[in-house]
PDB file of all heavy atoms in Angstrom:
ATOM      1  N   ASP A   1      47.132  32.413  19.761  1.00  0.00           N
ATOM      2  CA  ASP A   1      46.304  31.911  18.664  1.00  0.00           C
ATOM      3  C   ASP A   1      45.387  33.032  18.189  1.00  0.00           C
ATOM      4  O   ASP A   1      44.254  33.171  18.658  1.00  0.00           O
ATOM      5  CB  ASP A   1      45.479  30.703  19.138  1.00  0.00           C
ATOM      6  CG  ASP A   1      44.705  30.032  18.011  1.00  0.00           C
ATOM      7  OD1 ASP A   1      44.540  30.645  16.933  1.00  0.00           O
ATOM      8  OD2 ASP A   1      44.256  28.886  18.218  1.00  0.00           O
ATOM      9  N   PRO A   2      45.859  33.878  17.255  1.00  0.00           N
ATOM     10  CA  PRO A   2      45.073  35.058  16.871  1.00  0.00           C
ATOM     11  C   PRO A   2      43.725  34.719  16.247  1.00  0.00           C
ATOM     12  O   PRO A   2      42.754  35.470  16.425  1.00  0.00           O
ATOM     13  CB  PRO A   2      45.983  35.784  15.876  1.00  0.00           C
ATOM     14  CG  PRO A   2      46.970  34.760  15.414  1.00  0.00           C
ATOM     15  CD  PRO A   2      47.153  33.824  16.544  1.00  0.00           C
ATOM     16  N   GLU A   3      43.642  33.600  15.508  1.00  0.00           N
ATOM     17  CA  GLU A   3      42.357  33.247  14.894  1.00  0.00           C
ATOM     18  C   GLU A   3      41.321  32.907  15.966  1.00  0.00           C
ATOM     19  O   GLU A   3      40.182  33.380  15.916  1.00  0.00           O
ATOM     20  CB  GLU A   3      42.539  32.068  13.938  1.00  0.00           C
ATOM     21  CG  GLU A   3      43.226  32.410  12.632  1.00  0.00           C
ATOM     22  CD  GLU A   3      43.273  31.213  11.713  1.00  0.00           C
ATOM     23  OE1 GLU A   3      44.021  30.258  12.000  1.00  0.00           O
ATOM     24  OE2 GLU A   3      42.521  31.215  10.707  1.00  0.00           O
ATOM     25  N   ALA A   4      41.694  32.083  16.929  1.00  0.00           N
ATOM     26  CA  ALA A   4      40.759  31.717  17.997  1.00  0.00           C
ATOM     27  C   ALA A   4      40.426  32.934  18.857  1.00  0.00           C
ATOM     28  O   ALA A   4      39.283  33.106  19.292  1.00  0.00           O
ATOM     29  CB  ALA A   4      41.352  30.597  18.847  1.00  0.00           C
ATOM     30  N   LEU A   5      41.420  33.780  19.099  1.00  0.00           N
ATOM     31  CA  LEU A   5      41.180  35.010  19.855  1.00  0.00           C
ATOM     32  C   LEU A   5      40.117  35.869  19.174  1.00  0.00           C
ATOM     33  O   LEU A   5      39.209  36.386  19.830  1.00  0.00           O
ATOM     34  CB  LEU A   5      42.483  35.807  19.994  1.00  0.00           C
ATOM     35  CG  LEU A   5      43.445  35.392  21.097  1.00  0.00           C
ATOM     36  CD1 LEU A   5      44.817  36.019  20.860  1.00  0.00           C
ATOM     37  CD2 LEU A   5      42.907  35.832  22.465  1.00  0.00           C
ATOM     38  N   ALA A   6      40.215  36.011  17.869  1.00  0.00           N
ATOM     39  CA  ALA A   6      39.271  36.847  17.131  1.00  0.00           C
ATOM     40  C   ALA A   6      37.871  36.251  17.148  1.00  0.00           C
ATOM     41  O   ALA A   6      36.879  36.969  17.321  1.00  0.00           O
ATOM     42  CB  ALA A   6      39.750  37.032  15.692  1.00  0.00           C
ATOM     43  N   VAL A   7      37.788  34.932  16.969  1.00  0.00           N
ATOM     44  CA  VAL A   7      36.487  34.262  16.974  1.00  0.00           C
ATOM     45  C   VAL A   7      35.803  34.434  18.325  1.00  0.00           C
ATOM     46  O   VAL A   7      34.617  34.766  18.416  1.00  0.00           O
ATOM     47  CB  VAL A   7      36.660  32.763  16.632  1.00  0.00           C
ATOM     48  CG1 VAL A   7      35.400  31.973  16.978  1.00  0.00           C
ATOM     49  CG2 VAL A   7      36.981  32.597  15.151  1.00  0.00           C
ATOM     50  N   ALA A   8      36.555  34.212  19.402  1.00  0.00           N
ATOM     51  CA  ALA A   8      35.966  34.329  20.733  1.00  0.00           C
ATOM     52  C   ALA A   8      35.633  35.768  21.077  1.00  0.00           C
ATOM     53  O   ALA A   8      34.547  36.065  21.604  1.00  0.00           O
ATOM     54  CB  ALA A   8      36.913  33.736  21.769  1.00  0.00           C
ATOM     55  N   ALA A   9      36.543  36.687  20.808  1.00  0.00           N
ATOM     56  CA  ALA A   9      36.352  38.090  21.190  1.00  0.00           C
ATOM     57  C   ALA A   9      35.116  38.699  20.539  1.00  0.00           C
ATOM     58  O   ALA A   9      34.496  39.617  21.100  1.00  0.00           O
ATOM     59  CB  ALA A   9      37.590  38.899  20.827  1.00  0.00           C
ATOM     60  N   ALA A  10      34.730  38.176  19.386  1.00  0.00           N
ATOM     61  CA  ALA A  10      33.550  38.700  18.698  1.00  0.00           C
ATOM     62  C   ALA A  10      32.276  38.477  19.504  1.00  0.00           C
ATOM     63  O   ALA A  10      31.276  39.169  19.294  1.00  0.00           O
ATOM     64  CB  ALA A  10      33.424  38.056  17.324  1.00  0.00           C
ATOM     65  N   ALA A  11      32.305  37.517  20.433  1.00  0.00           N
ATOM     66  CA  ALA A  11      31.117  37.212  21.239  1.00  0.00           C
ATOM     67  C   ALA A  11      31.188  37.814  22.637  1.00  0.00           C
ATOM     68  O   ALA A  11      30.293  37.587  23.456  1.00  0.00           O
ATOM     69  CB  ALA A  11      30.937  35.696  21.328  1.00  0.00           C
ATOM     70  N   ASP A  12      32.238  38.576  22.932  1.00  0.00           N
ATOM     71  CA  ASP A  12      32.411  39.131  24.278  1.00  0.00           C
ATOM     72  C   ASP A  12      31.313  40.133  24.614  1.00  0.00           C
ATOM     73  O   ASP A  12      30.912  40.933  23.766  1.00  0.00           O
ATOM     74  CB  ASP A  12      33.777  39.810  24.378  1.00  0.00           C
ATOM     75  CG  ASP A  12      34.127  40.232  25.787  1.00  0.00           C
ATOM     76  OD1 ASP A  12      34.068  39.372  26.680  1.00  0.00           O
ATOM     77  OD2 ASP A  12      34.473  41.410  26.001  1.00  0.00           O
ATOM     78  N   ASP A  13      30.813  40.069  25.842  1.00  0.00           N
ATOM     79  CA  ASP A  13      29.784  40.995  26.308  1.00  0.00           C
ATOM     80  C   ASP A  13      30.410  41.999  27.265  1.00  0.00           C
ATOM     81  O   ASP A  13      30.863  41.617  28.350  1.00  0.00           O
ATOM     82  CB  ASP A  13      28.669  40.225  27.013  1.00  0.00           C
ATOM     83  CG  ASP A  13      27.559  41.136  27.488  1.00  0.00           C
ATOM     84  OD1 ASP A  13      26.816  41.651  26.635  1.00  0.00           O
ATOM     85  OD2 ASP A  13      27.435  41.340  28.714  1.00  0.00           O
ATOM     86  N   PRO A  14      30.468  43.284  26.906  1.00  0.00           N
ATOM     87  CA  PRO A  14      31.164  44.269  27.747  1.00  0.00           C
ATOM     88  C   PRO A  14      30.613  44.373  29.160  1.00  0.00           C
ATOM     89  O   PRO A  14      31.377  44.557  30.119  1.00  0.00           O
ATOM     90  CB  PRO A  14      30.977  45.582  26.972  1.00  0.00           C
ATOM     91  CG  PRO A  14      30.752  45.165  25.555  1.00  0.00           C
ATOM     92  CD  PRO A  14      30.004  43.882  25.639  1.00  0.00           C
ATOM     93  N   ALA A  15      29.308  44.258  29.329  1.00  0.00           N
ATOM     94  CA  ALA A  15      28.731  44.372  30.673  1.00  0.00           C
ATOM     95  C   ALA A  15      29.146  43.196  31.543  1.00  0.00           C
ATOM     96  O   ALA A  15      29.514  43.372  32.708  1.00  0.00           O
ATOM     97  CB  ALA A  15      27.213  44.460  30.587  1.00  0.00           C
ATOM     98  N   SER A  16      29.101  41.993  30.984  1.00  0.00           N
ATOM     99  CA  SER A  16      29.551  40.819  31.738  1.00  0.00           C
ATOM    100  C   SER A  16      31.017  40.940  32.103  1.00  0.00           C
ATOM    101  O   SER A  16      31.425  40.619  33.225  1.00  0.00           O
ATOM    102  CB  SER A  16      29.341  39.541  30.914  1.00  0.00           C
ATOM    103  OG  SER A  16      27.998  39.146  30.908  1.00  0.00           O
ATOM    104  N   ARG A  17      31.816  41.400  31.160  1.00  0.00           N
ATOM    105  CA  ARG A  17      33.262  41.506  31.419  1.00  0.00           C
ATOM    106  C   ARG A  17      33.538  42.540  32.507  1.00  0.00           C
ATOM    107  O   ARG A  17      34.355  42.300  33.399  1.00  0.00           O
ATOM    108  CB  ARG A  17      34.018  41.871  30.138  1.00  0.00           C
ATOM    109  CG  ARG A  17      35.527  41.987  30.354  1.00  0.00           C
ATOM    110  CD  ARG A  17      36.288  42.060  29.053  1.00  0.00           C
ATOM    111  NE  ARG A  17      36.263  40.798  28.339  1.00  0.00           N
ATOM    112  CZ  ARG A  17      37.106  39.793  28.555  1.00  0.00           C
ATOM    113  NH1 ARG A  17      38.035  39.889  29.503  1.00  0.00           N
ATOM    114  NH2 ARG A  17      37.027  38.703  27.842  1.00  0.00           N
ATOM    115  N   ALA A  18      32.870  43.677  32.469  1.00  0.00           N
ATOM    116  CA  ALA A  18      33.114  44.702  33.482  1.00  0.00           C
ATOM    117  C   ALA A  18      32.709  44.195  34.866  1.00  0.00           C
ATOM    118  O   ALA A  18      33.459  44.335  35.845  1.00  0.00           O
ATOM    119  CB  ALA A  18      32.347  45.972  33.144  1.00  0.00           C
ATOM    120  N   ALA A  19      31.528  43.582  34.958  1.00  0.00           N
ATOM    121  CA  ALA A  19      31.057  43.080  36.256  1.00  0.00           C
ATOM    122  C   ALA A  19      31.984  41.995  36.781  1.00  0.00           C
ATOM    123  O   ALA A  19      32.413  42.023  37.945  1.00  0.00           O
ATOM    124  CB  ALA A  19      29.633  42.547  36.117  1.00  0.00           C
ATOM    125  N   ALA A  20      32.307  41.029  35.928  1.00  0.00           N
ATOM    126  CA  ALA A  20      33.151  39.918  36.364  1.00  0.00           C
ATOM    127  C   ALA A  20      34.569  40.374  36.676  1.00  0.00           C
ATOM    128  O   ALA A  20      35.220  39.830  37.581  1.00  0.00           O
ATOM    129  CB  ALA A  20      33.174  38.828  35.293  1.00  0.00           C
ATOM    130  N   SER A  21      35.059  41.354  35.961  1.00  0.00           N
ATOM    131  CA  SER A  21      36.408  41.866  36.221  1.00  0.00           C
ATOM    132  C   SER A  21      36.496  42.474  37.620  1.00  0.00           C
ATOM    133  O   SER A  21      37.473  42.270  38.336  1.00  0.00           O
ATOM    134  CB  SER A  21      36.801  42.900  35.170  1.00  0.00           C
ATOM    135  OG  SER A  21      36.920  42.296  33.892  1.00  0.00           O
ATOM    136  N   ALA A  22      35.461  43.223  38.021  1.00  0.00           N
ATOM    137  CA  ALA A  22      35.448  43.799  39.365  1.00  0.00           C
ATOM    138  C   ALA A  22      35.414  42.691  40.417  1.00  0.00           C
ATOM    139  O   ALA A  22      36.146  42.734  41.413  1.00  0.00           O
ATOM    140  CB  ALA A  22      34.242  44.726  39.522  1.00  0.00           C
ATOM    141  N   GLU A  23      34.568  41.690  40.193  1.00  0.00           N
ATOM    142  CA  GLU A  23      34.440  40.590  41.151  1.00  0.00           C
ATOM    143  C   GLU A  23      35.738  39.800  41.270  1.00  0.00           C
ATOM    144  O   GLU A  23      36.186  39.454  42.367  1.00  0.00           O
ATOM    145  CB  GLU A  23      33.298  39.666  40.711  1.00  0.00           C
ATOM    146  CG  GLU A  23      31.931  40.325  40.746  1.00  0.00           C
ATOM    147  CD  GLU A  23      30.879  39.593  39.931  1.00  0.00           C
ATOM    148  OE1 GLU A  23      31.097  38.405  39.596  1.00  0.00           O
ATOM    149  OE2 GLU A  23      29.842  40.192  39.613  1.00  0.00           O
ATOM    150  N   ARG A  24      36.360  39.512  40.135  1.00  0.00           N
ATOM    151  CA  ARG A  24      37.578  38.708  40.135  1.00  0.00           C
ATOM    152  C   ARG A  24      38.766  39.493  40.705  1.00  0.00           C
ATOM    153  O   ARG A  24      39.642  38.919  41.362  1.00  0.00           O
ATOM    154  CB  ARG A  24      37.871  38.211  38.713  1.00  0.00           C
ATOM    155  CG  ARG A  24      36.966  37.053  38.315  1.00  0.00           C
ATOM    156  CD  ARG A  24      36.972  36.776  36.819  1.00  0.00           C
ATOM    157  NE  ARG A  24      38.285  36.366  36.329  1.00  0.00           N
ATOM    158  CZ  ARG A  24      38.760  35.119  36.425  1.00  0.00           C
ATOM    159  NH1 ARG A  24      38.050  34.181  37.032  1.00  0.00           N
ATOM    160  NH2 ARG A  24      39.940  34.813  35.915  1.00  0.00           N
ATOM    161  N   ALA A  25      38.792  40.796  40.485  1.00  0.00           N
ATOM    162  CA  ALA A  25      39.857  41.615  41.079  1.00  0.00           C
ATOM    163  C   ALA A  25      39.724  41.640  42.598  1.00  0.00           C
ATOM    164  O   ALA A  25      40.722  41.609  43.328  1.00  0.00           O
ATOM    165  CB  ALA A  25      39.810  43.035  40.516  1.00  0.00           C
ATOM    166  N   PHE A  26      38.488  41.684  43.080  1.00  0.00           N
ATOM    167  CA  PHE A  26      38.230  41.617  44.518  1.00  0.00           C
ATOM    168  C   PHE A  26      38.770  40.304  45.091  1.00  0.00           C
ATOM    169  O   PHE A  26      39.513  40.300  46.074  1.00  0.00           O
ATOM    170  CB  PHE A  26      36.723  41.733  44.746  1.00  0.00           C
ATOM    171  CG  PHE A  26      36.274  41.367  46.139  1.00  0.00           C
ATOM    172  CD1 PHE A  26      36.507  42.216  47.209  1.00  0.00           C
ATOM    173  CD2 PHE A  26      35.608  40.167  46.369  1.00  0.00           C
ATOM    174  CE1 PHE A  26      36.078  41.874  48.495  1.00  0.00           C
ATOM    175  CE2 PHE A  26      35.185  39.823  47.641  1.00  0.00           C
ATOM    176  CZ  PHE A  26      35.429  40.677  48.710  1.00  0.00           C
ATOM    177  N   GLU A  27      38.411  39.206  44.474  1.00  0.00           N
ATOM    178  CA  GLU A  27      38.865  37.899  44.955  1.00  0.00           C
ATOM    179  C   GLU A  27      40.379  37.747  44.851  1.00  0.00           C
ATOM    180  O   GLU A  27      41.032  37.216  45.748  1.00  0.00           O
ATOM    181  CB  GLU A  27      38.170  36.786  44.163  1.00  0.00           C
ATOM    182  CG  GLU A  27      38.548  35.397  44.630  1.00  0.00           C
ATOM    183  CD  GLU A  27      37.884  34.331  43.794  1.00  0.00           C
ATOM    184  OE1 GLU A  27      38.091  34.330  42.551  1.00  0.00           O
ATOM    185  OE2 GLU A  27      37.165  33.505  44.359  1.00  0.00           O
ATOM    186  N   ARG A  28      40.936  38.228  43.756  1.00  0.00           N
ATOM    187  CA  ARG A  28      42.384  38.117  43.541  1.00  0.00           C
ATOM    188  C   ARG A  28      43.153  38.878  44.618  1.00  0.00           C
ATOM    189  O   ARG A  28      44.154  38.385  45.144  1.00  0.00           O
ATOM    190  CB  ARG A  28      42.710  38.647  42.145  1.00  0.00           C
ATOM    191  CG  ARG A  28      44.102  38.352  41.653  1.00  0.00           C
ATOM    192  CD  ARG A  28      44.197  38.516  40.137  1.00  0.00           C
ATOM    193  NE  ARG A  28      43.714  39.801  39.673  1.00  0.00           N
ATOM    194  CZ  ARG A  28      42.641  39.960  38.884  1.00  0.00           C
ATOM    195  NH1 ARG A  28      41.913  38.921  38.492  1.00  0.00           N
ATOM    196  NH2 ARG A  28      42.270  41.171  38.485  1.00  0.00           N
ATOM    197  N   ARG A  29      42.679  40.056  44.966  1.00  0.00           N
ATOM    198  CA  ARG A  29      43.353  40.840  45.999  1.00  0.00           C
ATOM    199  C   ARG A  29      43.276  40.151  47.364  1.00  0.00           C
ATOM    200  O   ARG A  29      44.226  40.191  48.142  1.00  0.00           O
ATOM    201  CB  ARG A  29      42.731  42.243  46.070  1.00  0.00           C
ATOM    202  CG  ARG A  29      43.241  43.110  47.217  1.00  0.00           C
ATOM    203  CD  ARG A  29      44.718  43.451  47.049  1.00  0.00           C
ATOM    204  NE  ARG A  29      45.203  44.240  48.180  1.00  0.00           N
ATOM    205  CZ  ARG A  29      45.664  43.731  49.334  1.00  0.00           C
ATOM    206  NH1 ARG A  29      45.693  42.406  49.496  1.00  0.00           N
ATOM    207  NH2 ARG A  29      46.087  44.520  50.296  1.00  0.00           N
ATOM    208  N   LEU A  30      42.160  39.479  47.627  1.00  0.00           N
ATOM    209  CA  LEU A  30      42.021  38.764  48.894  1.00  0.00           C
ATOM    210  C   LEU A  30      42.814  37.466  48.909  1.00  0.00           C
ATOM    211  O   LEU A  30      43.177  36.964  49.972  1.00  0.00           O
ATOM    212  CB  LEU A  30      40.549  38.445  49.171  1.00  0.00           C
ATOM    213  CG  LEU A  30      39.645  39.602  49.571  1.00  0.00           C
ATOM    214  CD1 LEU A  30      38.211  39.121  49.679  1.00  0.00           C
ATOM    215  CD2 LEU A  30      40.095  40.225  50.886  1.00  0.00           C
ATOM    216  N   GLY A  31      43.057  36.904  47.719  1.00  0.00           N
ATOM    217  CA  GLY A  31      43.766  35.630  47.648  1.00  0.00           C
ATOM    218  C   GLY A  31      42.910  34.464  48.081  1.00  0.00           C
ATOM    219  O   GLY A  31      43.415  33.435  48.524  1.00  0.00           O
ATOM    220  N   GLY A  32      41.586  34.591  47.960  1.00  0.00           N
ATOM    221  CA  GLY A  32      40.686  33.544  48.426  1.00  0.00           C
ATOM    222  C   GLY A  32      40.472  32.458  47.400  1.00  0.00           C
ATOM    223  O   GLY A  32      40.615  32.668  46.200  1.00  0.00           O
ATOM    224  N   GLY A  33      40.131  31.270  47.884  1.00  0.00           N
ATOM    225  CA  GLY A  33      39.806  30.140  47.031  1.00  0.00           C
ATOM    226  C   GLY A  33      38.503  29.517  47.470  1.00  0.00           C
ATOM    227  O   GLY A  33      37.676  30.142  48.129  1.00  0.00           O
ATOM    228  N   CYS A  34      38.322  28.224  47.126  1.00  0.00           N
ATOM    229  CA  CYS A  34      37.039  27.590  47.395  1.00  0.00           C
ATOM    230  C   CYS A  34      36.821  27.312  48.872  1.00  0.00           C
ATOM    231  O   CYS A  34      35.704  27.062  49.299  1.00  0.00           O
ATOM    232  CB  CYS A  34      36.931  26.297  46.606  1.00  0.00           C
ATOM    233  SG  CYS A  34      37.946  24.981  47.272  1.00  0.00           S
ATOM    234  N   SER A  35      37.880  27.338  49.686  1.00  0.00           N
ATOM    235  CA  SER A  35      37.709  27.044  51.110  1.00  0.00           C
ATOM    236  C   SER A  35      37.346  28.288  51.902  1.00  0.00           C
ATOM    237  O   SER A  35      37.091  28.217  53.099  1.00  0.00           O
ATOM    238  CB  SER A  35      38.999  26.436  51.682  1.00  0.00           C
ATOM    239  OG  SER A  35      40.063  27.356  51.600  1.00  0.00           O
ATOM    240  N   ALA A  36      37.297  29.427  51.237  1.00  0.00           N
ATOM    241  CA  ALA A  36      36.967  30.683  51.899  1.00  0.00           C
ATOM    242  C   ALA A  36      35.544  31.108  51.537  1.00  0.00           C
ATOM    243  O   ALA A  36      35.062  30.842  50.439  1.00  0.00           O
ATOM    244  CB  ALA A  36      37.951  31.769  51.490  1.00  0.00           C
ATOM    245  N   ALA A  37      34.872  31.761  52.485  1.00  0.00           N
ATOM    246  CA  ALA A  37      33.526  32.258  52.245  1.00  0.00           C
ATOM    247  C   ALA A  37      33.618  33.663  51.663  1.00  0.00           C
ATOM    248  O   ALA A  37      33.624  34.661  52.383  1.00  0.00           O
ATOM    249  CB  ALA A  37      32.726  32.256  53.540  1.00  0.00           C
ATOM    250  N   ILE A  38      33.754  33.737  50.344  1.00  0.00           N
ATOM    251  CA  ILE A  38      33.893  35.002  49.631  1.00  0.00           C
ATOM    252  C   ILE A  38      32.764  35.113  48.616  1.00  0.00           C
ATOM    253  O   ILE A  38      32.475  34.157  47.887  1.00  0.00           O
ATOM    254  CB  ILE A  38      35.251  35.077  48.901  1.00  0.00           C
ATOM    255  CG1 ILE A  38      36.393  35.167  49.913  1.00  0.00           C
ATOM    256  CG2 ILE A  38      35.294  36.266  47.942  1.00  0.00           C
ATOM    257  CD1 ILE A  38      37.756  35.130  49.274  1.00  0.00           C
ATOM    258  N   ALA A  39      32.142  36.276  48.560  1.00  0.00           N
ATOM    259  CA  ALA A  39      31.097  36.532  47.572  1.00  0.00           C
ATOM    260  C   ALA A  39      31.292  37.917  46.998  1.00  0.00           C
ATOM    261  O   ALA A  39      31.777  38.824  47.677  1.00  0.00           O
ATOM    262  CB  ALA A  39      29.713  36.430  48.217  1.00  0.00           C
ATOM    263  N   ALA A  40      30.924  38.071  45.734  1.00  0.00           N
ATOM    264  CA  ALA A  40      30.978  39.399  45.109  1.00  0.00           C
ATOM    265  C   ALA A  40      30.020  39.416  43.930  1.00  0.00           C
ATOM    266  O   ALA A  40      29.940  38.442  43.170  1.00  0.00           O
ATOM    267  CB  ALA A  40      32.387  39.738  44.646  1.00  0.00           C
ATOM    268  N   TYR A  41      29.314  40.503  43.791  1.00  0.00           N
ATOM    269  CA  TYR A  41      28.341  40.634  42.711  1.00  0.00           C
ATOM    270  C   TYR A  41      28.307  42.082  42.244  1.00  0.00           C
ATOM    271  O   TYR A  41      28.021  42.993  43.025  1.00  0.00           O
ATOM    272  CB  TYR A  41      26.960  40.194  43.189  1.00  0.00           C
ATOM    273  CG  TYR A  41      25.857  40.387  42.182  1.00  0.00           C
ATOM    274  CD1 TYR A  41      25.999  39.966  40.861  1.00  0.00           C
ATOM    275  CD2 TYR A  41      24.656  41.000  42.554  1.00  0.00           C
ATOM    276  CE1 TYR A  41      24.985  40.145  39.940  1.00  0.00           C
ATOM    277  CE2 TYR A  41      23.632  41.180  41.641  1.00  0.00           C
ATOM    278  CZ  TYR A  41      23.802  40.748  40.331  1.00  0.00           C
ATOM    279  OH  TYR A  41      22.796  40.926  39.415  1.00  0.00           O
TER     280      TYR A  41
END
């Protein structure tokens, strides 16, 4: 949906995306879910 993509992307915050991307990549590599005690900041 290119129109919705454009509308949303206009509000993207690069700092939030970089921080969250690192955190989510950490969790993804571990394969953890809500039953695991995983934290990242």
